[in-house]
Amino acid sequence: MRRALGIVETVGFSAAVAAMDAAAKAADVNLVGMDRVIGVNKAVGVSIHFEGEVAAVQAAVDAAVEAANRVGKVAYYKVIPRPHEELDKILNELKKNIKNIE
């Protein structure tokens, strides 16, 4: 993967949906994956992952964090510019979660 990876982990599904919507509207990024995480702040969390150019991913993550915090709570967020190619293996597993939703 040569593109940037953005991660936003929210507490609750509503905050995740708001985050995904804001990110998609803010910049040209692709939703790579989504995963439910049990135990985030003693609640169910949702981890969402975006990919794209570094500046676009940063803008998307910023918008996602702001939107999610209006609806609920953000537990974690990070932008990783040009992640190592080995991360592609993990991201391919996360992509399966998106396909299962469709």
PDB file of N, CA and C in Angstrom:
ATOM      1  N   MET A   1       0.850  -1.180   0.000  1.00  0.00           N
ATOM      2  CA  MET A   1       0.000   0.000   0.000  1.00  0.00           C
ATOM      3  C   MET A   1       0.890   1.235   0.000  1.00  0.00           C
ATOM      4  N   ARG A   2       0.713   2.095  -0.949  1.00  0.00           N
ATOM      5  CA  ARG A   2       1.487   3.332  -0.996  1.00  0.00           C
ATOM      6  C   ARG A   2       0.658   4.519  -0.524  1.00  0.00           C
ATOM      7  N   ARG A   3      -0.633   4.327  -0.439  1.00  0.00           N
ATOM      8  CA  ARG A   3      -1.514   5.400  -0.014  1.00  0.00           C
ATOM      9  C   ARG A   3      -1.554   5.452   1.495  1.00  0.00           C
ATOM     10  N   ALA A   4      -2.115   6.509   2.030  1.00  0.00           N
ATOM     11  CA  ALA A   4      -2.230   6.651   3.481  1.00  0.00           C
ATOM     12  C   ALA A   4      -3.399   5.827   3.999  1.00  0.00           C
ATOM     13  N   LEU A   5      -3.308   5.468   5.269  1.00  0.00           N
ATOM     14  CA  LEU A   5      -4.363   4.739   5.953  1.00  0.00           C
ATOM     15  C   LEU A   5      -4.853   5.593   7.109  1.00  0.00           C
ATOM     16  N   GLY A   6      -6.158   5.776   7.193  1.00  0.00           N
ATOM     17  CA  GLY A   6      -6.761   6.508   8.301  1.00  0.00           C
ATOM     18  C   GLY A   6      -7.621   5.581   9.128  1.00  0.00           C
ATOM     19  N   ILE A   7      -7.522   5.708  10.447  1.00  0.00           N
ATOM     20  CA  ILE A   7      -8.269   4.854  11.366  1.00  0.00           C
ATOM     21  C   ILE A   7      -9.044   5.748  12.328  1.00  0.00           C
ATOM     22  N   VAL A   8     -10.326   5.470  12.487  1.00  0.00           N
ATOM     23  CA  VAL A   8     -11.151   6.156  13.482  1.00  0.00           C
ATOM     24  C   VAL A   8     -11.914   5.080  14.232  1.00  0.00           C
ATOM     25  N   GLU A   9     -11.746   5.055  15.543  1.00  0.00           N
ATOM     26  CA  GLU A   9     -12.441   4.078  16.368  1.00  0.00           C
ATOM     27  C   GLU A   9     -13.443   4.815  17.245  1.00  0.00           C
ATOM     28  N   THR A  10     -14.706   4.474  17.088  1.00  0.00           N
ATOM     29  CA  THR A  10     -15.771   5.162  17.814  1.00  0.00           C
ATOM     30  C   THR A  10     -16.396   4.240  18.848  1.00  0.00           C
ATOM     31  N   VAL A  11     -17.050   4.857  19.802  1.00  0.00           N
ATOM     32  CA  VAL A  11     -17.861   4.102  20.749  1.00  0.00           C
ATOM     33  C   VAL A  11     -19.288   4.172  20.220  1.00  0.00           C
ATOM     34  N   GLY A  12     -19.811   3.034  19.777  1.00  0.00           N
ATOM     35  CA  GLY A  12     -21.162   2.979  19.238  1.00  0.00           C
ATOM     36  C   GLY A  12     -21.217   3.071  17.732  1.00  0.00           C
ATOM     37  N   PHE A  13     -22.257   2.462  17.182  1.00  0.00           N
ATOM     38  CA  PHE A  13     -22.427   2.405  15.732  1.00  0.00           C
ATOM     39  C   PHE A  13     -22.882   3.738  15.149  1.00  0.00           C
ATOM     40  N   SER A  14     -23.718   4.486  15.854  1.00  0.00           N
ATOM     41  CA  SER A  14     -24.209   5.774  15.347  1.00  0.00           C
ATOM     42  C   SER A  14     -23.069   6.746  15.105  1.00  0.00           C
ATOM     43  N   ALA A  15     -22.126   6.782  16.024  1.00  0.00           N
ATOM     44  CA  ALA A  15     -20.967   7.657  15.855  1.00  0.00           C
ATOM     45  C   ALA A  15     -20.135   7.217  14.655  1.00  0.00           C
ATOM     46  N   ALA A  16     -20.043   5.911  14.427  1.00  0.00           N
ATOM     47  CA  ALA A  16     -19.291   5.403  13.284  1.00  0.00           C
ATOM     48  C   ALA A  16     -19.949   5.793  11.960  1.00  0.00           C
ATOM     49  N   VAL A  17     -21.269   5.706  11.903  1.00  0.00           N
ATOM     50  CA  VAL A  17     -21.983   6.094  10.681  1.00  0.00           C
ATOM     51  C   VAL A  17     -21.790   7.584  10.408  1.00  0.00           C
ATOM     52  N   ALA A  18     -21.892   8.405  11.442  1.00  0.00           N
ATOM     53  CA  ALA A  18     -21.659   9.842  11.278  1.00  0.00           C
ATOM     54  C   ALA A  18     -20.230  10.100  10.808  1.00  0.00           C
ATOM     55  N   ALA A  19     -19.281   9.362  11.352  1.00  0.00           N
ATOM     56  CA  ALA A  19     -17.879   9.516  10.964  1.00  0.00           C
ATOM     57  C   ALA A  19     -17.657   9.131   9.505  1.00  0.00           C
ATOM     58  N   MET A  20     -18.228   8.000   9.087  1.00  0.00           N
ATOM     59  CA  MET A  20     -18.076   7.554   7.701  1.00  0.00           C
ATOM     60  C   MET A  20     -18.691   8.539   6.725  1.00  0.00           C
ATOM     61  N   ASP A  21     -19.860   9.057   7.059  1.00  0.00           N
ATOM     62  CA  ASP A  21     -20.531  10.025   6.204  1.00  0.00           C
ATOM     63  C   ASP A  21     -19.700  11.292   6.060  1.00  0.00           C
ATOM     64  N   ALA A  22     -19.217  11.817   7.171  1.00  0.00           N
ATOM     65  CA  ALA A  22     -18.424  13.047   7.140  1.00  0.00           C
ATOM     66  C   ALA A  22     -17.118  12.843   6.372  1.00  0.00           C
ATOM     67  N   ALA A  23     -16.478  11.712   6.576  1.00  0.00           N
ATOM     68  CA  ALA A  23     -15.212  11.437   5.890  1.00  0.00           C
ATOM     69  C   ALA A  23     -15.411  11.360   4.379  1.00  0.00           C
ATOM     70  N   ALA A  24     -16.468  10.681   3.962  1.00  0.00           N
ATOM     71  CA  ALA A  24     -16.736  10.522   2.533  1.00  0.00           C
ATOM     72  C   ALA A  24     -17.053  11.854   1.871  1.00  0.00           C
ATOM     73  N   LYS A  25     -17.702  12.742   2.611  1.00  0.00           N
ATOM     74  CA  LYS A  25     -18.055  14.052   2.068  1.00  0.00           C
ATOM     75  C   LYS A  25     -16.888  15.027   2.095  1.00  0.00           C
ATOM     76  N   ALA A  26     -15.936  14.820   3.002  1.00  0.00           N
ATOM     77  CA  ALA A  26     -14.842  15.771   3.190  1.00  0.00           C
ATOM     78  C   ALA A  26     -13.708  15.600   2.194  1.00  0.00           C
ATOM     79  N   ALA A  27     -13.483  14.388   1.722  1.00  0.00           N
ATOM     80  CA  ALA A  27     -12.304  14.157   0.887  1.00  0.00           C
ATOM     81  C   ALA A  27     -12.492  12.928   0.012  1.00  0.00           C
ATOM     82  N   ASP A  28     -11.604  12.807  -0.963  1.00  0.00           N
ATOM     83  CA  ASP A  28     -11.632  11.684  -1.889  1.00  0.00           C
ATOM     84  C   ASP A  28     -10.892  10.505  -1.263  1.00  0.00           C
ATOM     85  N   VAL A  29     -11.616   9.731  -0.456  1.00  0.00           N
ATOM     86  CA  VAL A  29     -11.051   8.558   0.206  1.00  0.00           C
ATOM     87  C   VAL A  29     -11.956   7.360  -0.043  1.00  0.00           C
ATOM     88  N   ASN A  30     -11.401   6.187   0.141  1.00  0.00           N
ATOM     89  CA  ASN A  30     -12.167   4.945   0.026  1.00  0.00           C
ATOM     90  C   ASN A  30     -12.311   4.331   1.406  1.00  0.00           C
ATOM     91  N   LEU A  31     -13.489   3.829   1.696  1.00  0.00           N
ATOM     92  CA  LEU A  31     -13.689   3.072   2.918  1.00  0.00           C
ATOM     93  C   LEU A  31     -13.088   1.695   2.687  1.00  0.00           C
ATOM     94  N   VAL A  32     -12.067   1.370   3.451  1.00  0.00           N
ATOM     95  CA  VAL A  32     -11.350   0.111   3.280  1.00  0.00           C
ATOM     96  C   VAL A  32     -11.984  -0.993   4.108  1.00  0.00           C
ATOM     97  N   GLY A  33     -12.376  -0.645   5.321  1.00  0.00           N
ATOM     98  CA  GLY A  33     -12.910  -1.677   6.180  1.00  0.00           C
ATOM     99  C   GLY A  33     -13.596  -1.127   7.399  1.00  0.00           C
ATOM    100  N   MET A  34     -14.305  -2.008   8.061  1.00  0.00           N
ATOM    101  CA  MET A  34     -15.002  -1.669   9.292  1.00  0.00           C
ATOM    102  C   MET A  34     -15.003  -2.916  10.151  1.00  0.00           C
ATOM    103  N   ASP A  35     -14.800  -2.722  11.440  1.00  0.00           N
ATOM    104  CA  ASP A  35     -14.747  -3.863  12.338  1.00  0.00           C
ATOM    105  C   ASP A  35     -15.350  -3.476  13.672  1.00  0.00           C
ATOM    106  N   ARG A  36     -16.190  -4.352  14.222  1.00  0.00           N
ATOM    107  CA  ARG A  36     -16.738  -4.109  15.550  1.00  0.00           C
ATOM    108  C   ARG A  36     -15.717  -4.537  16.589  1.00  0.00           C
ATOM    109  N   VAL A  37     -15.546  -3.703  17.590  1.00  0.00           N
ATOM    110  CA  VAL A  37     -14.569  -3.968  18.633  1.00  0.00           C
ATOM    111  C   VAL A  37     -15.310  -4.008  19.965  1.00  0.00           C
ATOM    112  N   ILE A  38     -15.247  -5.118  20.651  1.00  0.00           N
ATOM    113  CA  ILE A  38     -15.929  -5.240  21.936  1.00  0.00           C
ATOM    114  C   ILE A  38     -14.959  -4.863  23.038  1.00  0.00           C
ATOM    115  N   GLY A  39     -15.418  -3.991  23.913  1.00  0.00           N
ATOM    116  CA  GLY A  39     -14.599  -3.629  25.051  1.00  0.00           C
ATOM    117  C   GLY A  39     -13.983  -2.244  24.999  1.00  0.00           C
ATOM    118  N   VAL A  40     -14.284  -1.467  23.991  1.00  0.00           N
ATOM    119  CA  VAL A  40     -13.776  -0.106  23.918  1.00  0.00           C
ATOM    120  C   VAL A  40     -14.492   0.722  24.968  1.00  0.00           C
ATOM    121  N   ASN A  41     -13.761   1.199  25.933  1.00  0.00           N
ATOM    122  CA  ASN A  41     -14.349   1.973  27.029  1.00  0.00           C
ATOM    123  C   ASN A  41     -15.562   1.265  27.625  1.00  0.00           C
ATOM    124  N   LYS A  42     -15.467  -0.062  27.750  1.00  0.00           N
ATOM    125  CA  LYS A  42     -16.533  -0.902  28.310  1.00  0.00           C
ATOM    126  C   LYS A  42     -17.821  -0.825  27.495  1.00  0.00           C
ATOM    127  N   ALA A  43     -17.688  -0.611  26.211  1.00  0.00           N
ATOM    128  CA  ALA A  43     -18.837  -0.538  25.306  1.00  0.00           C
ATOM    129  C   ALA A  43     -18.454  -1.192  23.980  1.00  0.00           C
ATOM    130  N   VAL A  44     -19.399  -1.260  23.077  1.00  0.00           N
ATOM    131  CA  VAL A  44     -19.111  -1.777  21.739  1.00  0.00           C
ATOM    132  C   VAL A  44     -18.573  -0.630  20.897  1.00  0.00           C
ATOM    133  N   GLY A  45     -17.454  -0.868  20.293  1.00  0.00           N
ATOM    134  CA  GLY A  45     -16.842   0.144  19.443  1.00  0.00           C
ATOM    135  C   GLY A  45     -16.839  -0.305  17.999  1.00  0.00           C
ATOM    136  N   VAL A  46     -16.635   0.651  17.124  1.00  0.00           N
ATOM    137  CA  VAL A  46     -16.541   0.369  15.697  1.00  0.00           C
ATOM    138  C   VAL A  46     -15.282   1.048  15.186  1.00  0.00           C
ATOM    139  N   SER A  47     -14.431   0.277  14.550  1.00  0.00           N
ATOM    140  CA  SER A  47     -13.204   0.792  13.969  1.00  0.00           C
ATOM    141  C   SER A  47     -13.407   0.895  12.463  1.00  0.00           C
ATOM    142  N   ILE A  48     -13.209   2.093  11.917  1.00  0.00           N
ATOM    143  CA  ILE A  48     -13.369   2.292  10.476  1.00  0.00           C
ATOM    144  C   ILE A  48     -12.023   2.704   9.891  1.00  0.00           C
ATOM    145  N   HIS A  49     -11.790   2.301   8.645  1.00  0.00           N
ATOM    146  CA  HIS A  49     -10.495   2.497   8.011  1.00  0.00           C
ATOM    147  C   HIS A  49     -10.691   3.089   6.621  1.00  0.00           C
ATOM    148  N   PHE A  50      -9.922   4.136   6.329  1.00  0.00           N
ATOM    149  CA  PHE A  50      -9.986   4.815   5.032  1.00  0.00           C
ATOM    150  C   PHE A  50      -8.622   4.764   4.374  1.00  0.00           C
ATOM    151  N   GLU A  51      -8.613   4.843   3.048  1.00  0.00           N
ATOM    152  CA  GLU A  51      -7.350   4.962   2.335  1.00  0.00           C
ATOM    153  C   GLU A  51      -7.474   6.044   1.276  1.00  0.00           C
ATOM    154  N   GLY A  52      -6.338   6.620   0.915  1.00  0.00           N
ATOM    155  CA  GLY A  52      -6.286   7.653  -0.101  1.00  0.00           C
ATOM    156  C   GLY A  52      -4.976   8.397   0.008  1.00  0.00           C
ATOM    157  N   GLU A  53      -4.893   9.520  -0.670  1.00  0.00           N
ATOM    158  CA  GLU A  53      -3.706  10.365  -0.572  1.00  0.00           C
ATOM    159  C   GLU A  53      -3.603  10.903   0.853  1.00  0.00           C
ATOM    160  N   VAL A  54      -2.388  11.193   1.301  1.00  0.00           N
ATOM    161  CA  VAL A  54      -2.162  11.581   2.697  1.00  0.00           C
ATOM    162  C   VAL A  54      -3.023  12.771   3.107  1.00  0.00           C
ATOM    163  N   ALA A  55      -3.036  13.826   2.319  1.00  0.00           N
ATOM    164  CA  ALA A  55      -3.812  15.025   2.674  1.00  0.00           C
ATOM    165  C   ALA A  55      -5.309  14.728   2.706  1.00  0.00           C
ATOM    166  N   ALA A  56      -5.773  13.911   1.781  1.00  0.00           N
ATOM    167  CA  ALA A  56      -7.192  13.571   1.744  1.00  0.00           C
ATOM    168  C   ALA A  56      -7.583  12.725   2.954  1.00  0.00           C
ATOM    169  N   VAL A  57      -6.738  11.776   3.317  1.00  0.00           N
ATOM    170  CA  VAL A  57      -7.030  10.937   4.479  1.00  0.00           C
ATOM    171  C   VAL A  57      -7.014  11.779   5.750  1.00  0.00           C
ATOM    172  N   GLN A  58      -6.065  12.709   5.845  1.00  0.00           N
ATOM    173  CA  GLN A  58      -6.021  13.573   7.028  1.00  0.00           C
ATOM    174  C   GLN A  58      -7.294  14.410   7.128  1.00  0.00           C
ATOM    175  N   ALA A  59      -7.741  14.970   6.008  1.00  0.00           N
ATOM    176  CA  ALA A  59      -8.973  15.766   6.004  1.00  0.00           C
ATOM    177  C   ALA A  59     -10.180  14.892   6.354  1.00  0.00           C
ATOM    178  N   ALA A  60     -10.214  13.684   5.828  1.00  0.00           N
ATOM    179  CA  ALA A  60     -11.330  12.768   6.101  1.00  0.00           C
ATOM    180  C   ALA A  60     -11.366  12.368   7.573  1.00  0.00           C
ATOM    181  N   VAL A  61     -10.222  12.058   8.139  1.00  0.00           N
ATOM    182  CA  VAL A  61     -10.157  11.660   9.551  1.00  0.00           C
ATOM    183  C   VAL A  61     -10.549  12.827  10.445  1.00  0.00           C
ATOM    184  N   ASP A  62     -10.066  14.025  10.129  1.00  0.00           N
ATOM    185  CA  ASP A  62     -10.446  15.200  10.919  1.00  0.00           C
ATOM    186  C   ASP A  62     -11.955  15.413  10.907  1.00  0.00           C
ATOM    187  N   ALA A  63     -12.554  15.311   9.714  1.00  0.00           N
ATOM    188  CA  ALA A  63     -14.005  15.481   9.599  1.00  0.00           C
ATOM    189  C   ALA A  63     -14.748  14.355  10.318  1.00  0.00           C
ATOM    190  N   ALA A  64     -14.233  13.145  10.215  1.00  0.00           N
ATOM    191  CA  ALA A  64     -14.866  11.994  10.860  1.00  0.00           C
ATOM    192  C   ALA A  64     -14.850  12.137  12.379  1.00  0.00           C
ATOM    193  N   VAL A  65     -13.731  12.564  12.919  1.00  0.00           N
ATOM    194  CA  VAL A  65     -13.610  12.728  14.366  1.00  0.00           C
ATOM    195  C   VAL A  65     -14.565  13.806  14.867  1.00  0.00           C
ATOM    196  N   GLU A  66     -14.624  14.909  14.151  1.00  0.00           N
ATOM    197  CA  GLU A  66     -15.522  15.997  14.548  1.00  0.00           C
ATOM    198  C   GLU A  66     -16.985  15.548  14.520  1.00  0.00           C
ATOM    199  N   ALA A  67     -17.380  14.860  13.452  1.00  0.00           N
ATOM    200  CA  ALA A  67     -18.770  14.407  13.325  1.00  0.00           C
ATOM    201  C   ALA A  67     -19.107  13.345  14.368  1.00  0.00           C
ATOM    202  N   ALA A  68     -18.206  12.415  14.584  1.00  0.00           N
ATOM    203  CA  ALA A  68     -18.466  11.349  15.554  1.00  0.00           C
ATOM    204  C   ALA A  68     -18.573  11.900  16.967  1.00  0.00           C
ATOM    205  N   ASN A  69     -17.765  12.886  17.287  1.00  0.00           N
ATOM    206  CA  ASN A  69     -17.828  13.484  18.624  1.00  0.00           C
ATOM    207  C   ASN A  69     -19.129  14.257  18.848  1.00  0.00           C
ATOM    208  N   ARG A  70     -19.770  14.713  17.785  1.00  0.00           N
ATOM    209  CA  ARG A  70     -21.065  15.380  17.935  1.00  0.00           C
ATOM    210  C   ARG A  70     -22.164  14.378  18.275  1.00  0.00           C
ATOM    211  N   VAL A  71     -22.020  13.150  17.798  1.00  0.00           N
ATOM    212  CA  VAL A  71     -23.037  12.117  17.991  1.00  0.00           C
ATOM    213  C   VAL A  71     -22.720  11.243  19.198  1.00  0.00           C
ATOM    214  N   GLY A  72     -21.464  10.940  19.387  1.00  0.00           N
ATOM    215  CA  GLY A  72     -21.047  10.023  20.447  1.00  0.00           C
ATOM    216  C   GLY A  72     -19.641  10.344  20.901  1.00  0.00           C
ATOM    217  N   LYS A  73     -18.784   9.339  20.844  1.00  0.00           N
ATOM    218  CA  LYS A  73     -17.430   9.498  21.352  1.00  0.00           C
ATOM    219  C   LYS A  73     -16.431   8.788  20.445  1.00  0.00           C
ATOM    220  N   VAL A  74     -15.284   9.410  20.265  1.00  0.00           N
ATOM    221  CA  VAL A  74     -14.190   8.804  19.524  1.00  0.00           C
ATOM    222  C   VAL A  74     -13.178   8.278  20.533  1.00  0.00           C
ATOM    223  N   ALA A  75     -12.828   7.002  20.403  1.00  0.00           N
ATOM    224  CA  ALA A  75     -11.861   6.392  21.312  1.00  0.00           C
ATOM    225  C   ALA A  75     -10.431   6.561  20.805  1.00  0.00           C
ATOM    226  N   TYR A  76     -10.249   6.617  19.477  1.00  0.00           N
ATOM    227  CA  TYR A  76      -8.903   6.654  18.905  1.00  0.00           C
ATOM    228  C   TYR A  76      -8.995   7.092  17.456  1.00  0.00           C
ATOM    229  N   TYR A  77      -7.953   7.773  16.985  1.00  0.00           N
ATOM    230  CA  TYR A  77      -7.847   8.059  15.554  1.00  0.00           C
ATOM    231  C   TYR A  77      -6.382   8.240  15.189  1.00  0.00           C
ATOM    232  N   LYS A  78      -6.058   7.928  13.949  1.00  0.00           N
ATOM    233  CA  LYS A  78      -4.669   7.981  13.506  1.00  0.00           C
ATOM    234  C   LYS A  78      -4.617   8.000  11.991  1.00  0.00           C
ATOM    235  N   VAL A  79      -3.642   8.715  11.446  1.00  0.00           N
ATOM    236  CA  VAL A  79      -3.338   8.675  10.019  1.00  0.00           C
ATOM    237  C   VAL A  79      -1.935   8.099   9.876  1.00  0.00           C
ATOM    238  N   ILE A  80      -1.810   7.072   9.048  1.00  0.00           N
ATOM    239  CA  ILE A  80      -0.510   6.444   8.808  1.00  0.00           C
ATOM    240  C   ILE A  80      -0.141   6.680   7.341  1.00  0.00           C
ATOM    241  N   PRO A  81       0.812   7.572   7.073  1.00  0.00           N
ATOM    242  CA  PRO A  81       1.237   7.787   5.692  1.00  0.00           C
ATOM    243  C   PRO A  81       2.042   6.590   5.178  1.00  0.00           C
ATOM    244  N   ARG A  82       1.729   6.137   4.005  1.00  0.00           N
ATOM    245  CA  ARG A  82       2.448   5.048   3.351  1.00  0.00           C
ATOM    246  C   ARG A  82       2.746   3.869   4.290  1.00  0.00           C
ATOM    247  N   PRO A  83       1.712   3.189   4.783  1.00  0.00           N
ATOM    248  CA  PRO A  83       1.949   2.050   5.673  1.00  0.00           C
ATOM    249  C   PRO A  83       2.703   0.921   4.967  1.00  0.00           C
ATOM    250  N   HIS A  84       3.343   0.098   5.749  1.00  0.00           N
ATOM    251  CA  HIS A  84       4.116  -1.023   5.218  1.00  0.00           C
ATOM    252  C   HIS A  84       3.202  -1.970   4.444  1.00  0.00           C
ATOM    253  N   GLU A  85       3.748  -2.602   3.429  1.00  0.00           N
ATOM    254  CA  GLU A  85       2.969  -3.493   2.570  1.00  0.00           C
ATOM    255  C   GLU A  85       2.353  -4.675   3.327  1.00  0.00           C
ATOM    256  N   GLU A  86       2.935  -5.078   4.423  1.00  0.00           N
ATOM    257  CA  GLU A  86       2.396  -6.189   5.204  1.00  0.00           C
ATOM    258  C   GLU A  86       1.006  -5.871   5.773  1.00  0.00           C
ATOM    259  N   LEU A  87       0.702  -4.583   5.942  1.00  0.00           N
ATOM    260  CA  LEU A  87      -0.619  -4.201   6.438  1.00  0.00           C
ATOM    261  C   LEU A  87      -1.721  -4.539   5.450  1.00  0.00           C
ATOM    262  N   ASP A  88      -1.363  -4.721   4.191  1.00  0.00           N
ATOM    263  CA  ASP A  88      -2.358  -5.097   3.189  1.00  0.00           C
ATOM    264  C   ASP A  88      -3.063  -6.400   3.559  1.00  0.00           C
ATOM    265  N   LYS A  89      -2.343  -7.319   4.199  1.00  0.00           N
ATOM    266  CA  LYS A  89      -2.942  -8.586   4.602  1.00  0.00           C
ATOM    267  C   LYS A  89      -4.061  -8.356   5.610  1.00  0.00           C
ATOM    268  N   ILE A  90      -3.832  -7.466   6.544  1.00  0.00           N
ATOM    269  CA  ILE A  90      -4.847  -7.155   7.552  1.00  0.00           C
ATOM    270  C   ILE A  90      -6.012  -6.416   6.908  1.00  0.00           C
ATOM    271  N   LEU A  91      -5.699  -5.476   6.033  1.00  0.00           N
ATOM    272  CA  LEU A  91      -6.755  -4.692   5.395  1.00  0.00           C
ATOM    273  C   LEU A  91      -7.641  -5.564   4.509  1.00  0.00           C
ATOM    274  N   ASN A  92      -7.073  -6.580   3.897  1.00  0.00           N
ATOM    275  CA  ASN A  92      -7.892  -7.495   3.084  1.00  0.00           C
ATOM    276  C   ASN A  92      -8.912  -8.223   3.950  1.00  0.00           C
ATOM    277  N   GLU A  93      -8.556  -8.541   5.178  1.00  0.00           N
ATOM    278  CA  GLU A  93      -9.508  -9.155   6.101  1.00  0.00           C
ATOM    279  C   GLU A  93     -10.619  -8.166   6.459  1.00  0.00           C
ATOM    280  N   LEU A  94     -10.260  -6.908   6.663  1.00  0.00           N
ATOM    281  CA  LEU A  94     -11.255  -5.892   6.995  1.00  0.00           C
ATOM    282  C   LEU A  94     -12.205  -5.631   5.828  1.00  0.00           C
ATOM    283  N   LYS A  95     -11.695  -5.739   4.611  1.00  0.00           N
ATOM    284  CA  LYS A  95     -12.547  -5.539   3.438  1.00  0.00           C
ATOM    285  C   LYS A  95     -13.662  -6.573   3.377  1.00  0.00           C
ATOM    286  N   LYS A  96     -13.403  -7.744   3.915  1.00  0.00           N
ATOM    287  CA  LYS A  96     -14.438  -8.782   3.945  1.00  0.00           C
ATOM    288  C   LYS A  96     -15.627  -8.328   4.792  1.00  0.00           C
ATOM    289  N   ASN A  97     -15.368  -7.551   5.846  1.00  0.00           N
ATOM    290  CA  ASN A  97     -16.456  -7.043   6.685  1.00  0.00           C
ATOM    291  C   ASN A  97     -17.358  -6.103   5.906  1.00  0.00           C
ATOM    292  N   ILE A  98     -16.787  -5.292   5.032  1.00  0.00           N
ATOM    293  CA  ILE A  98     -17.580  -4.372   4.217  1.00  0.00           C
ATOM    294  C   ILE A  98     -18.424  -5.183   3.231  1.00  0.00           C
ATOM    295  N   LYS A  99     -17.852  -6.192   2.607  1.00  0.00           N
ATOM    296  CA  LYS A  99     -18.593  -7.006   1.640  1.00  0.00           C
ATOM    297  C   LYS A  99     -19.738  -7.751   2.311  1.00  0.00           C
ATOM    298  N   ASN A 100     -19.561  -8.160   3.562  1.00  0.00           N
ATOM    299  CA  ASN A 100     -20.625  -8.855   4.279  1.00  0.00           C
ATOM    300  C   ASN A 100     -21.812  -7.950   4.566  1.00  0.00           C
ATOM    301  N   ILE A 101     -21.579  -6.658   4.680  1.00  0.00           N
ATOM    302  CA  ILE A 101     -22.658  -5.695   4.935  1.00  0.00           C
ATOM    303  C   ILE A 101     -23.490  -5.505   3.681  1.00  0.00           C
ATOM    304  N   GLU A 102     -22.828  -5.500   2.527  1.00  0.00           N
ATOM    305  CA  GLU A 102     -23.524  -5.300   1.254  1.00  0.00           C
ATOM    306  C   GLU A 102     -24.395  -6.481   1.023  1.00  0.00           C
TER     307      GLU A 102
END
